[in-house]
Amino acid sequence: MRLASWSRDRLGNIDLRQALGILETTGFTPAIVALDVMDKTATIRVVQLELNDFLGVVIKITGEVDAVQTAIAAGHAVAERMQGSPVSNTINRPDDGAWKAIESAVEYNPLIQQNVVRVPTYKEPTVSDAASFALGFIETQGFTAVFEAIDNACKAANVEVIGKEKLGGGYVTVIIKGDVAAVKAAIDAGQAKVEGLGKLIAAHVIPRPSESVLALLPKG
């Protein structure tokens, strides 16, 4: 049976022939928060993140069938609570021929100036992965809103901007990192500035983000 390049190059001993979990949800922040929960709920490995060109993000995970089912259920529930309108499924031992459609090559979209398909890049844990480390997300529909929000966030606490994600349709997410308390204060301050400038899609803090989340985010 053909194994996808994910297994050979990025997933070590994880066998993609076990089960494939798919979670598709509107909004970058709900997708990443769901991935963090999935990774902390069961023994799974993230395979790929892919944008669906309709304000949505597809997260693909793999692992033992029971673990994938448990993780997908947990991630679906979180994305639903965040109003991400998720759709999810678990495929037991995907057919060899199906991998040609399931696996996507890394793809750069010049319109939104970022990759719309990405694979995880794992690294050795550092001091940044300590218990006090957190990620913060502010996602809006509208650039003016997110720019004002992140400026206020950075003025409110000692945090660092590590990336900006765009989904099209005006959806844009700014990601910050720092001490848990600082990130919480910054996100609270930034969120308060969105009203009247755009639509708030999500504002969230992930304390001690999972390995899978760190592997997919911009490296700051």
N, C-alpha and C. Protein backbone atom coordinates (compact mmCIF):
# COMPACT_ATOMS: atom_id res chain seq x y z
N MET A 1 0.84 -1.20 0.00
CA MET A 1 0.00 0.00 0.00
C MET A 1 0.87 1.25 0.00
N ARG A 2 0.53 2.22 -0.80
CA ARG A 2 1.27 3.46 -0.86
C ARG A 2 1.05 4.25 0.41
N LEU A 3 2.14 4.76 0.99
CA LEU A 3 2.03 5.67 2.12
C LEU A 3 2.31 7.08 1.65
N ALA A 4 1.52 8.02 2.09
CA ALA A 4 1.72 9.40 1.69
C ALA A 4 3.05 9.92 2.20
N SER A 5 3.53 11.00 1.59
CA SER A 5 4.82 11.56 1.98
C SER A 5 4.80 12.09 3.40
N TRP A 6 3.60 12.39 3.93
CA TRP A 6 3.52 12.83 5.32
C TRP A 6 4.18 11.81 6.24
N SER A 7 3.86 10.52 6.01
CA SER A 7 4.35 9.46 6.88
C SER A 7 5.86 9.35 6.80
N ARG A 8 6.39 9.40 5.61
CA ARG A 8 7.82 9.23 5.43
C ARG A 8 8.60 10.43 5.94
N ASP A 9 8.11 11.63 5.68
CA ASP A 9 8.91 12.82 5.91
C ASP A 9 8.61 13.54 7.21
N ARG A 10 7.37 13.42 7.72
CA ARG A 10 6.99 14.32 8.80
C ARG A 10 6.37 13.63 10.01
N LEU A 11 5.83 12.48 9.84
CA LEU A 11 5.07 11.88 10.92
C LEU A 11 5.78 10.72 11.61
N GLY A 12 7.05 10.53 11.26
CA GLY A 12 7.82 9.51 11.96
C GLY A 12 7.20 8.14 11.85
N ASN A 13 6.88 7.55 13.01
CA ASN A 13 6.35 6.19 13.04
C ASN A 13 4.82 6.13 12.96
N ILE A 14 4.18 7.27 12.83
CA ILE A 14 2.72 7.26 12.71
C ILE A 14 2.32 6.64 11.38
N ASP A 15 1.43 5.67 11.43
CA ASP A 15 0.98 4.96 10.23
C ASP A 15 -0.33 5.55 9.75
N LEU A 16 -0.31 6.17 8.59
CA LEU A 16 -1.52 6.82 8.07
C LEU A 16 -2.61 5.83 7.69
N ARG A 17 -2.29 4.53 7.73
CA ARG A 17 -3.30 3.53 7.38
C ARG A 17 -4.24 3.24 8.56
N GLN A 18 -4.02 3.87 9.68
CA GLN A 18 -4.88 3.62 10.84
C GLN A 18 -6.24 4.29 10.65
N ALA A 19 -6.30 5.57 10.89
CA ALA A 19 -7.55 6.31 10.70
C ALA A 19 -7.22 7.76 10.36
N LEU A 20 -8.10 8.36 9.60
CA LEU A 20 -7.95 9.77 9.24
C LEU A 20 -9.13 10.54 9.82
N GLY A 21 -8.84 11.59 10.57
CA GLY A 21 -9.88 12.45 11.11
C GLY A 21 -9.89 13.78 10.38
N ILE A 22 -11.06 14.27 10.05
CA ILE A 22 -11.21 15.52 9.31
C ILE A 22 -12.14 16.45 10.07
N LEU A 23 -11.68 17.64 10.34
CA LEU A 23 -12.52 18.66 10.97
C LEU A 23 -12.43 19.92 10.11
N GLU A 24 -13.57 20.35 9.61
CA GLU A 24 -13.64 21.53 8.75
C GLU A 24 -14.55 22.56 9.42
N THR A 25 -14.03 23.76 9.62
CA THR A 25 -14.80 24.75 10.35
C THR A 25 -14.53 26.15 9.83
N THR A 26 -15.50 27.01 9.95
CA THR A 26 -15.34 28.41 9.57
C THR A 26 -14.47 29.12 10.60
N GLY A 27 -13.51 29.89 10.13
CA GLY A 27 -12.67 30.67 11.02
C GLY A 27 -11.38 29.98 11.37
N PHE A 28 -10.28 30.73 11.31
CA PHE A 28 -8.97 30.18 11.64
C PHE A 28 -8.84 29.89 13.13
N THR A 29 -9.32 30.80 13.96
CA THR A 29 -9.18 30.63 15.41
C THR A 29 -9.94 29.41 15.92
N PRO A 30 -11.22 29.21 15.56
CA PRO A 30 -11.90 27.99 16.01
C PRO A 30 -11.17 26.72 15.58
N ALA A 31 -10.59 26.73 14.39
CA ALA A 31 -9.87 25.54 13.91
C ALA A 31 -8.65 25.25 14.76
N ILE A 32 -7.88 26.27 15.09
CA ILE A 32 -6.65 26.08 15.87
C ILE A 32 -6.98 25.72 17.32
N VAL A 33 -8.00 26.34 17.88
CA VAL A 33 -8.41 26.00 19.24
C VAL A 33 -8.89 24.55 19.28
N ALA A 34 -9.64 24.14 18.26
CA ALA A 34 -10.10 22.75 18.17
C ALA A 34 -8.93 21.79 18.07
N LEU A 35 -7.92 22.14 17.28
CA LEU A 35 -6.73 21.29 17.16
C LEU A 35 -6.02 21.16 18.50
N ASP A 36 -5.91 22.25 19.24
CA ASP A 36 -5.26 22.20 20.55
C ASP A 36 -6.00 21.23 21.47
N VAL A 37 -7.32 21.30 21.47
CA VAL A 37 -8.12 20.40 22.30
C VAL A 37 -7.97 18.96 21.84
N MET A 38 -7.99 18.74 20.52
CA MET A 38 -7.84 17.38 20.00
C MET A 38 -6.50 16.77 20.41
N ASP A 39 -5.45 17.55 20.30
CA ASP A 39 -4.11 17.06 20.62
C ASP A 39 -3.96 16.76 22.11
N LYS A 40 -4.70 17.50 22.95
CA LYS A 40 -4.62 17.30 24.39
C LYS A 40 -5.61 16.24 24.89
N THR A 41 -6.53 15.83 24.02
CA THR A 41 -7.57 14.87 24.40
C THR A 41 -7.16 13.43 24.13
N ALA A 42 -6.45 13.21 23.02
CA ALA A 42 -6.11 11.84 22.62
C ALA A 42 -4.77 11.83 21.91
N THR A 43 -4.21 10.64 21.75
CA THR A 43 -2.92 10.49 21.07
C THR A 43 -3.14 10.48 19.56
N ILE A 44 -2.98 11.66 18.98
CA ILE A 44 -3.15 11.82 17.54
C ILE A 44 -1.98 12.63 17.01
N ARG A 45 -1.90 12.72 15.71
CA ARG A 45 -0.88 13.53 15.06
C ARG A 45 -1.54 14.35 13.98
N VAL A 46 -1.23 15.65 13.93
CA VAL A 46 -1.80 16.48 12.88
C VAL A 46 -1.05 16.18 11.59
N VAL A 47 -1.80 16.07 10.51
CA VAL A 47 -1.24 15.73 9.21
C VAL A 47 -1.08 16.96 8.34
N GLN A 48 -2.11 17.79 8.31
CA GLN A 48 -2.13 18.90 7.37
C GLN A 48 -3.22 19.89 7.74
N LEU A 49 -3.00 21.14 7.39
CA LEU A 49 -4.02 22.18 7.47
C LEU A 49 -4.23 22.70 6.07
N GLU A 50 -5.49 22.85 5.69
CA GLU A 50 -5.80 23.31 4.33
C GLU A 50 -6.97 24.28 4.38
N LEU A 51 -6.83 25.40 3.69
CA LEU A 51 -7.92 26.37 3.61
C LEU A 51 -8.87 25.94 2.49
N ASN A 52 -10.18 26.08 2.74
CA ASN A 52 -11.15 25.60 1.76
C ASN A 52 -11.67 26.70 0.83
N ASP A 53 -11.07 27.90 0.92
CA ASP A 53 -11.41 29.01 0.03
C ASP A 53 -12.84 29.52 0.23
N PHE A 54 -13.43 29.20 1.37
CA PHE A 54 -14.77 29.69 1.67
C PHE A 54 -14.83 30.01 3.17
N LEU A 55 -13.84 30.76 3.64
CA LEU A 55 -13.73 31.21 5.03
C LEU A 55 -13.49 30.05 5.99
N GLY A 56 -13.10 28.90 5.47
CA GLY A 56 -12.96 27.73 6.33
C GLY A 56 -11.57 27.14 6.34
N VAL A 57 -11.32 26.34 7.38
CA VAL A 57 -10.05 25.66 7.56
C VAL A 57 -10.33 24.17 7.77
N VAL A 58 -9.56 23.33 7.10
CA VAL A 58 -9.67 21.88 7.24
C VAL A 58 -8.45 21.38 8.00
N ILE A 59 -8.69 20.69 9.11
CA ILE A 59 -7.62 20.07 9.90
C ILE A 59 -7.70 18.57 9.67
N LYS A 60 -6.57 17.96 9.30
CA LYS A 60 -6.50 16.51 9.08
C LYS A 60 -5.61 15.91 10.16
N ILE A 61 -6.09 14.88 10.84
CA ILE A 61 -5.31 14.22 11.89
C ILE A 61 -5.29 12.72 11.64
N THR A 62 -4.36 12.03 12.28
CA THR A 62 -4.28 10.59 12.14
C THR A 62 -3.92 9.95 13.47
N GLY A 63 -4.17 8.65 13.56
CA GLY A 63 -3.89 7.90 14.79
C GLY A 63 -4.75 6.65 14.84
N GLU A 64 -4.76 5.99 15.99
CA GLU A 64 -5.63 4.83 16.17
C GLU A 64 -7.09 5.27 16.05
N VAL A 65 -7.94 4.38 15.59
CA VAL A 65 -9.34 4.73 15.31
C VAL A 65 -10.02 5.35 16.52
N ASP A 66 -9.92 4.70 17.68
CA ASP A 66 -10.60 5.20 18.87
C ASP A 66 -10.08 6.59 19.26
N ALA A 67 -8.76 6.78 19.15
CA ALA A 67 -8.16 8.06 19.51
C ALA A 67 -8.63 9.16 18.57
N VAL A 68 -8.66 8.85 17.28
CA VAL A 68 -9.10 9.85 16.31
C VAL A 68 -10.56 10.21 16.52
N GLN A 69 -11.40 9.21 16.75
CA GLN A 69 -12.82 9.48 16.98
C GLN A 69 -13.02 10.35 18.22
N THR A 70 -12.29 10.05 19.28
CA THR A 70 -12.39 10.84 20.52
C THR A 70 -11.93 12.27 20.28
N ALA A 71 -10.81 12.42 19.60
CA ALA A 71 -10.27 13.75 19.34
C ALA A 71 -11.19 14.57 18.45
N ILE A 72 -11.70 13.97 17.39
CA ILE A 72 -12.58 14.69 16.47
C ILE A 72 -13.86 15.14 17.18
N ALA A 73 -14.41 14.29 18.03
CA ALA A 73 -15.61 14.66 18.78
C ALA A 73 -15.34 15.86 19.67
N ALA A 74 -14.19 15.85 20.34
CA ALA A 74 -13.83 16.96 21.23
C ALA A 74 -13.59 18.24 20.44
N GLY A 75 -12.89 18.13 19.32
CA GLY A 75 -12.62 19.30 18.49
C GLY A 75 -13.88 19.87 17.88
N HIS A 76 -14.77 19.00 17.42
CA HIS A 76 -16.05 19.43 16.84
C HIS A 76 -16.85 20.23 17.86
N ALA A 77 -16.90 19.73 19.10
CA ALA A 77 -17.67 20.41 20.15
C ALA A 77 -17.12 21.80 20.43
N VAL A 78 -15.80 21.92 20.46
CA VAL A 78 -15.18 23.22 20.72
C VAL A 78 -15.47 24.19 19.57
N ALA A 79 -15.28 23.74 18.34
CA ALA A 79 -15.54 24.61 17.19
C ALA A 79 -16.99 25.05 17.13
N GLU A 80 -17.90 24.16 17.53
CA GLU A 80 -19.32 24.49 17.55
C GLU A 80 -19.60 25.55 18.61
N ARG A 81 -18.98 25.42 19.77
CA ARG A 81 -19.17 26.43 20.82
C ARG A 81 -18.64 27.80 20.39
N MET A 82 -17.62 27.79 19.52
CA MET A 82 -17.05 29.04 19.02
C MET A 82 -17.76 29.52 17.76
N GLN A 83 -18.91 28.90 17.45
CA GLN A 83 -19.75 29.28 16.31
C GLN A 83 -19.01 29.13 14.98
N GLY A 84 -18.22 28.07 14.89
CA GLY A 84 -17.48 27.82 13.66
C GLY A 84 -18.21 26.99 12.63
N SER A 85 -19.43 26.53 12.92
CA SER A 85 -20.21 25.68 12.00
C SER A 85 -19.39 24.50 11.49
N PRO A 86 -18.87 23.66 12.40
CA PRO A 86 -17.97 22.58 11.97
C PRO A 86 -18.69 21.41 11.30
N VAL A 87 -17.95 20.74 10.44
CA VAL A 87 -18.32 19.46 9.86
C VAL A 87 -17.14 18.53 10.10
N SER A 88 -17.39 17.30 10.53
CA SER A 88 -16.27 16.41 10.84
C SER A 88 -16.59 14.97 10.47
N ASN A 89 -15.52 14.19 10.33
CA ASN A 89 -15.69 12.79 9.96
C ASN A 89 -14.42 12.02 10.30
N THR A 90 -14.56 10.72 10.54
CA THR A 90 -13.42 9.83 10.74
C THR A 90 -13.50 8.72 9.70
N ILE A 91 -12.39 8.52 8.99
CA ILE A 91 -12.32 7.47 7.97
C ILE A 91 -11.37 6.39 8.47
N ASN A 92 -11.89 5.19 8.63
CA ASN A 92 -11.06 4.07 9.08
C ASN A 92 -10.27 3.49 7.91
N ARG A 93 -8.94 3.50 8.03
CA ARG A 93 -8.05 2.96 7.00
C ARG A 93 -8.43 3.44 5.60
N PRO A 94 -8.18 4.71 5.30
CA PRO A 94 -8.53 5.24 3.98
C PRO A 94 -7.94 4.40 2.85
N ASP A 95 -8.68 4.26 1.79
CA ASP A 95 -8.23 3.48 0.65
C ASP A 95 -6.99 4.11 0.03
N ASP A 96 -6.10 3.25 -0.46
CA ASP A 96 -4.86 3.71 -1.06
C ASP A 96 -5.10 4.74 -2.16
N GLY A 97 -6.08 4.48 -3.01
CA GLY A 97 -6.35 5.39 -4.10
C GLY A 97 -6.88 6.74 -3.66
N ALA A 98 -7.50 6.78 -2.48
CA ALA A 98 -8.07 8.03 -1.97
C ALA A 98 -7.00 9.05 -1.58
N TRP A 99 -5.79 8.56 -1.26
CA TRP A 99 -4.74 9.49 -0.83
C TRP A 99 -4.40 10.53 -1.89
N LYS A 100 -4.63 10.19 -3.17
CA LYS A 100 -4.33 11.15 -4.23
C LYS A 100 -5.17 12.41 -4.10
N ALA A 101 -6.36 12.28 -3.51
CA ALA A 101 -7.22 13.44 -3.29
C ALA A 101 -7.05 14.01 -1.90
N ILE A 102 -6.79 13.13 -0.94
CA ILE A 102 -6.69 13.58 0.46
C ILE A 102 -5.41 14.38 0.69
N GLU A 103 -4.31 13.90 0.15
CA GLU A 103 -3.03 14.58 0.34
C GLU A 103 -2.92 15.74 -0.62
N SER A 104 -2.59 16.91 -0.10
CA SER A 104 -2.42 18.10 -0.93
C SER A 104 -1.00 18.61 -0.82
N ALA A 105 -0.45 19.04 -1.93
CA ALA A 105 0.88 19.63 -1.91
C ALA A 105 0.82 21.01 -1.26
N VAL A 106 1.91 21.41 -0.62
CA VAL A 106 1.99 22.76 -0.06
C VAL A 106 1.76 23.75 -1.19
N GLU A 107 0.85 24.69 -0.94
CA GLU A 107 0.43 25.60 -2.01
C GLU A 107 0.41 27.04 -1.49
N TYR A 108 1.00 27.94 -2.25
CA TYR A 108 1.04 29.36 -1.89
C TYR A 108 0.01 30.11 -2.74
N ASN A 109 -0.80 30.92 -2.07
CA ASN A 109 -1.81 31.73 -2.75
C ASN A 109 -1.34 33.18 -2.76
N PRO A 110 -0.96 33.72 -3.92
CA PRO A 110 -0.46 35.10 -3.96
C PRO A 110 -1.52 36.14 -3.62
N LEU A 111 -2.79 35.79 -3.78
CA LEU A 111 -3.85 36.75 -3.49
C LEU A 111 -3.90 37.09 -2.01
N ILE A 112 -3.75 36.08 -1.14
CA ILE A 112 -3.76 36.34 0.30
C ILE A 112 -2.36 36.27 0.89
N GLN A 113 -1.36 36.07 0.02
CA GLN A 113 0.06 36.15 0.39
C GLN A 113 0.44 35.18 1.51
N GLN A 114 -0.01 33.94 1.40
CA GLN A 114 0.36 32.92 2.37
C GLN A 114 0.02 31.55 1.82
N ASN A 115 0.55 30.53 2.47
CA ASN A 115 0.24 29.16 2.07
C ASN A 115 -1.21 28.83 2.42
N VAL A 116 -1.89 28.16 1.52
CA VAL A 116 -3.25 27.70 1.79
C VAL A 116 -3.26 26.20 2.11
N VAL A 117 -2.13 25.56 1.94
CA VAL A 117 -1.91 24.19 2.40
C VAL A 117 -0.60 24.19 3.16
N ARG A 118 -0.61 23.66 4.37
CA ARG A 118 0.63 23.59 5.13
C ARG A 118 0.73 22.29 5.90
N VAL A 119 1.95 21.88 6.13
CA VAL A 119 2.22 20.67 6.89
C VAL A 119 2.95 21.06 8.17
N PRO A 120 2.85 20.24 9.20
CA PRO A 120 3.48 20.59 10.48
C PRO A 120 5.00 20.56 10.41
N THR A 121 5.61 21.48 11.11
CA THR A 121 7.05 21.52 11.28
C THR A 121 7.34 21.42 12.76
N TYR A 122 7.81 20.27 13.20
CA TYR A 122 8.04 20.04 14.62
C TYR A 122 9.45 20.46 15.00
N LYS A 123 9.60 20.93 16.23
CA LYS A 123 10.91 21.33 16.73
C LYS A 123 11.06 20.87 18.17
N GLU A 124 12.29 20.91 18.66
CA GLU A 124 12.54 20.54 20.04
C GLU A 124 11.92 21.58 20.97
N PRO A 125 11.33 21.14 22.09
CA PRO A 125 10.76 22.09 23.05
C PRO A 125 11.81 23.09 23.53
N THR A 126 11.37 24.32 23.73
CA THR A 126 12.26 25.37 24.23
C THR A 126 11.65 25.99 25.47
N VAL A 127 12.32 27.01 25.98
CA VAL A 127 11.80 27.70 27.16
C VAL A 127 10.44 28.32 26.89
N SER A 128 10.17 28.63 25.60
CA SER A 128 8.88 29.22 25.23
C SER A 128 7.72 28.25 25.43
N ASP A 129 8.04 26.94 25.56
CA ASP A 129 6.99 25.95 25.72
C ASP A 129 6.67 25.68 27.19
N ALA A 130 7.16 26.52 28.07
CA ALA A 130 6.91 26.35 29.50
C ALA A 130 5.45 26.60 29.81
N ALA A 131 5.05 26.21 31.03
CA ALA A 131 3.64 26.29 31.41
C ALA A 131 3.09 27.71 31.34
N SER A 132 3.93 28.72 31.47
CA SER A 132 3.46 30.10 31.48
C SER A 132 3.27 30.67 30.08
N PHE A 133 3.66 29.93 29.07
CA PHE A 133 3.59 30.41 27.69
C PHE A 133 2.16 30.27 27.15
N ALA A 134 1.72 31.29 26.43
CA ALA A 134 0.37 31.26 25.87
C ALA A 134 0.35 31.90 24.49
N LEU A 135 -0.65 31.52 23.72
CA LEU A 135 -0.94 32.16 22.44
C LEU A 135 -2.27 32.87 22.53
N GLY A 136 -2.35 34.02 21.87
CA GLY A 136 -3.61 34.76 21.83
C GLY A 136 -4.02 35.01 20.39
N PHE A 137 -5.32 34.97 20.13
CA PHE A 137 -5.85 35.14 18.77
C PHE A 137 -6.93 36.20 18.78
N ILE A 138 -6.84 37.13 17.85
CA ILE A 138 -7.93 38.06 17.57
C ILE A 138 -8.26 37.93 16.09
N GLU A 139 -9.49 37.51 15.81
CA GLU A 139 -9.91 37.30 14.43
C GLU A 139 -11.13 38.18 14.15
N THR A 140 -11.04 38.94 13.08
CA THR A 140 -12.14 39.84 12.72
C THR A 140 -12.45 39.71 11.23
N GLN A 141 -13.58 40.25 10.86
CA GLN A 141 -13.88 40.44 9.44
C GLN A 141 -13.67 41.93 9.19
N GLY A 142 -12.54 42.23 8.61
CA GLY A 142 -12.18 43.63 8.41
C GLY A 142 -10.79 43.93 8.95
N PHE A 143 -9.93 44.48 8.10
CA PHE A 143 -8.57 44.79 8.51
C PHE A 143 -8.49 45.92 9.51
N THR A 144 -9.30 46.95 9.32
CA THR A 144 -9.25 48.10 10.23
C THR A 144 -9.49 47.66 11.66
N ALA A 145 -10.46 46.80 11.84
CA ALA A 145 -10.79 46.32 13.19
C ALA A 145 -9.64 45.56 13.82
N VAL A 146 -9.04 44.65 13.07
CA VAL A 146 -7.97 43.84 13.67
C VAL A 146 -6.72 44.67 13.91
N PHE A 147 -6.44 45.65 13.05
CA PHE A 147 -5.27 46.50 13.27
C PHE A 147 -5.43 47.34 14.53
N GLU A 148 -6.62 47.91 14.70
CA GLU A 148 -6.89 48.69 15.92
C GLU A 148 -6.82 47.79 17.14
N ALA A 149 -7.40 46.59 17.03
CA ALA A 149 -7.42 45.67 18.16
C ALA A 149 -6.02 45.25 18.58
N ILE A 150 -5.19 44.92 17.61
CA ILE A 150 -3.86 44.43 17.97
C ILE A 150 -2.97 45.56 18.48
N ASP A 151 -3.17 46.76 17.98
CA ASP A 151 -2.41 47.89 18.50
C ASP A 151 -2.75 48.11 19.97
N ASN A 152 -4.03 48.04 20.28
CA ASN A 152 -4.45 48.22 21.67
C ASN A 152 -3.96 47.07 22.54
N ALA A 153 -3.95 45.87 21.97
CA ALA A 153 -3.48 44.70 22.71
C ALA A 153 -2.01 44.84 23.08
N CYS A 154 -1.21 45.27 22.12
CA CYS A 154 0.23 45.41 22.36
C CYS A 154 0.54 46.55 23.33
N LYS A 155 -0.31 47.55 23.36
CA LYS A 155 -0.12 48.65 24.31
C LYS A 155 -0.55 48.26 25.71
N ALA A 156 -1.43 47.25 25.81
CA ALA A 156 -1.98 46.87 27.11
C ALA A 156 -1.07 45.92 27.89
N ALA A 157 -0.23 45.16 27.19
CA ALA A 157 0.58 44.15 27.88
C ALA A 157 1.82 43.82 27.07
N ASN A 158 2.76 43.19 27.72
CA ASN A 158 4.02 42.81 27.08
C ASN A 158 3.84 41.51 26.29
N VAL A 159 3.45 41.65 25.04
CA VAL A 159 3.23 40.50 24.16
C VAL A 159 3.94 40.73 22.84
N GLU A 160 4.09 39.66 22.07
CA GLU A 160 4.77 39.73 20.78
C GLU A 160 3.86 39.21 19.68
N VAL A 161 3.73 39.96 18.60
CA VAL A 161 2.97 39.49 17.44
C VAL A 161 3.83 38.48 16.69
N ILE A 162 3.29 37.29 16.42
CA ILE A 162 4.07 36.27 15.72
C ILE A 162 3.53 35.94 14.33
N GLY A 163 2.35 36.44 13.99
CA GLY A 163 1.85 36.15 12.66
C GLY A 163 0.49 36.72 12.37
N LYS A 164 0.15 36.71 11.09
CA LYS A 164 -1.16 37.16 10.62
C LYS A 164 -1.66 36.13 9.62
N GLU A 165 -2.90 35.71 9.77
CA GLU A 165 -3.50 34.70 8.90
C GLU A 165 -4.72 35.29 8.21
N LYS A 166 -4.84 35.01 6.90
CA LYS A 166 -5.98 35.52 6.14
C LYS A 166 -6.72 34.35 5.48
N LEU A 167 -8.06 34.41 5.50
CA LEU A 167 -8.87 33.37 4.89
C LEU A 167 -9.60 33.85 3.64
N GLY A 168 -9.48 35.12 3.32
CA GLY A 168 -10.31 35.68 2.27
C GLY A 168 -11.63 36.16 2.88
N GLY A 169 -12.42 36.86 2.11
CA GLY A 169 -13.68 37.36 2.61
C GLY A 169 -13.52 38.36 3.74
N GLY A 170 -12.33 38.94 3.86
CA GLY A 170 -12.08 39.92 4.92
C GLY A 170 -11.71 39.32 6.25
N TYR A 171 -11.69 37.98 6.37
CA TYR A 171 -11.34 37.33 7.63
C TYR A 171 -9.82 37.41 7.83
N VAL A 172 -9.41 37.97 8.95
CA VAL A 172 -7.99 38.09 9.25
C VAL A 172 -7.77 37.84 10.74
N THR A 173 -6.73 37.08 11.05
CA THR A 173 -6.39 36.74 12.43
C THR A 173 -4.99 37.21 12.74
N VAL A 174 -4.81 37.86 13.87
CA VAL A 174 -3.47 38.20 14.35
C VAL A 174 -3.19 37.35 15.57
N ILE A 175 -1.98 36.78 15.62
CA ILE A 175 -1.60 35.86 16.68
C ILE A 175 -0.49 36.49 17.51
N ILE A 176 -0.64 36.43 18.83
CA ILE A 176 0.37 36.97 19.73
C ILE A 176 0.83 35.87 20.69
N LYS A 177 1.97 36.09 21.31
CA LYS A 177 2.44 35.15 22.31
C LYS A 177 3.04 35.91 23.48
N GLY A 178 3.15 35.23 24.61
CA GLY A 178 3.72 35.83 25.80
C GLY A 178 3.29 35.08 27.04
N ASP A 179 3.53 35.68 28.18
CA ASP A 179 3.09 35.12 29.45
C ASP A 179 1.56 35.01 29.46
N VAL A 180 1.04 33.99 30.13
CA VAL A 180 -0.40 33.76 30.12
C VAL A 180 -1.18 34.99 30.56
N ALA A 181 -0.78 35.59 31.67
CA ALA A 181 -1.51 36.76 32.18
C ALA A 181 -1.45 37.92 31.20
N ALA A 182 -0.28 38.12 30.59
CA ALA A 182 -0.12 39.22 29.64
C ALA A 182 -0.98 39.00 28.40
N VAL A 183 -0.99 37.78 27.90
CA VAL A 183 -1.78 37.48 26.70
C VAL A 183 -3.27 37.66 26.99
N LYS A 184 -3.72 37.21 28.14
CA LYS A 184 -5.13 37.39 28.50
C LYS A 184 -5.49 38.86 28.57
N ALA A 185 -4.63 39.67 29.19
CA ALA A 185 -4.88 41.10 29.30
C ALA A 185 -4.90 41.76 27.92
N ALA A 186 -3.97 41.33 27.06
CA ALA A 186 -3.88 41.91 25.72
C ALA A 186 -5.11 41.56 24.88
N ILE A 187 -5.53 40.32 24.93
CA ILE A 187 -6.70 39.91 24.14
C ILE A 187 -7.96 40.61 24.63
N ASP A 188 -8.11 40.74 25.93
CA ASP A 188 -9.26 41.47 26.48
C ASP A 188 -9.27 42.91 25.99
N ALA A 189 -8.10 43.54 26.01
CA ALA A 189 -8.00 44.94 25.60
C ALA A 189 -8.25 45.09 24.10
N GLY A 190 -7.72 44.17 23.31
CA GLY A 190 -7.90 44.24 21.87
C GLY A 190 -9.32 43.99 21.45
N GLN A 191 -9.94 43.01 22.07
CA GLN A 191 -11.32 42.66 21.74
C GLN A 191 -12.26 43.84 21.94
N ALA A 192 -11.99 44.63 22.95
CA ALA A 192 -12.87 45.76 23.27
C ALA A 192 -12.84 46.85 22.20
N LYS A 193 -11.83 46.82 21.33
CA LYS A 193 -11.67 47.87 20.31
C LYS A 193 -12.29 47.52 18.96
N VAL A 194 -12.84 46.34 18.83
CA VAL A 194 -13.35 45.90 17.53
C VAL A 194 -14.70 46.52 17.19
N GLU A 195 -15.54 46.67 18.18
CA GLU A 195 -16.90 47.15 17.94
C GLU A 195 -16.91 48.48 17.19
N GLY A 196 -17.70 48.54 16.13
CA GLY A 196 -17.83 49.74 15.34
C GLY A 196 -16.85 49.82 14.18
N LEU A 197 -15.83 48.95 14.19
CA LEU A 197 -14.83 48.97 13.12
C LEU A 197 -14.90 47.73 12.24
N GLY A 198 -15.52 46.69 12.72
CA GLY A 198 -15.61 45.43 11.99
C GLY A 198 -16.33 44.40 12.82
N LYS A 199 -16.37 43.18 12.33
CA LYS A 199 -17.06 42.10 13.03
C LYS A 199 -16.04 41.21 13.74
N LEU A 200 -16.25 41.00 15.03
CA LEU A 200 -15.38 40.11 15.78
C LEU A 200 -15.78 38.67 15.49
N ILE A 201 -14.85 37.87 14.97
CA ILE A 201 -15.10 36.46 14.70
C ILE A 201 -14.71 35.62 15.91
N ALA A 202 -13.56 35.93 16.50
CA ALA A 202 -13.11 35.18 17.68
C ALA A 202 -12.01 35.95 18.40
N ALA A 203 -11.96 35.76 19.71
CA ALA A 203 -10.87 36.26 20.54
C ALA A 203 -10.62 35.18 21.58
N HIS A 204 -9.41 34.62 21.58
CA HIS A 204 -9.19 33.44 22.40
C HIS A 204 -7.74 33.36 22.86
N VAL A 205 -7.55 32.75 24.03
CA VAL A 205 -6.22 32.50 24.58
C VAL A 205 -6.03 31.00 24.75
N ILE A 206 -4.89 30.49 24.29
CA ILE A 206 -4.53 29.09 24.48
C ILE A 206 -3.32 29.03 25.42
N PRO A 207 -3.52 28.68 26.70
CA PRO A 207 -2.37 28.50 27.59
C PRO A 207 -1.64 27.21 27.23
N ARG A 208 -0.34 27.26 27.25
CA ARG A 208 0.50 26.11 26.94
C ARG A 208 0.00 25.37 25.70
N PRO A 209 0.11 25.98 24.53
CA PRO A 209 -0.40 25.38 23.30
C PRO A 209 0.24 24.03 23.02
N SER A 210 -0.51 23.15 22.40
CA SER A 210 -0.05 21.79 22.12
C SER A 210 1.03 21.78 21.05
N GLU A 211 1.72 20.65 20.95
CA GLU A 211 2.78 20.48 19.97
C GLU A 211 2.25 20.64 18.55
N SER A 212 1.05 20.13 18.30
CA SER A 212 0.48 20.23 16.94
C SER A 212 0.18 21.66 16.56
N VAL A 213 -0.32 22.45 17.49
CA VAL A 213 -0.60 23.85 17.22
C VAL A 213 0.69 24.60 16.90
N LEU A 214 1.72 24.40 17.71
CA LEU A 214 2.99 25.07 17.49
C LEU A 214 3.60 24.67 16.15
N ALA A 215 3.35 23.43 15.73
CA ALA A 215 3.93 22.93 14.49
C ALA A 215 3.30 23.54 13.25
N LEU A 216 2.11 24.12 13.39
CA LEU A 216 1.40 24.69 12.24
C LEU A 216 1.43 26.21 12.18
N LEU A 217 1.80 26.84 13.29
CA LEU A 217 1.75 28.30 13.34
C LEU A 217 3.05 28.93 12.85
N PRO A 218 3.00 30.22 12.49
CA PRO A 218 4.23 30.92 12.13
C PRO A 218 5.22 30.85 13.28
N LYS A 219 6.49 30.77 12.94
CA LYS A 219 7.52 30.68 13.99
C LYS A 219 7.97 32.08 14.37
N GLY A 220 7.66 32.46 15.61
CA GLY A 220 8.05 33.79 16.06
C GLY A 220 9.28 33.74 16.92
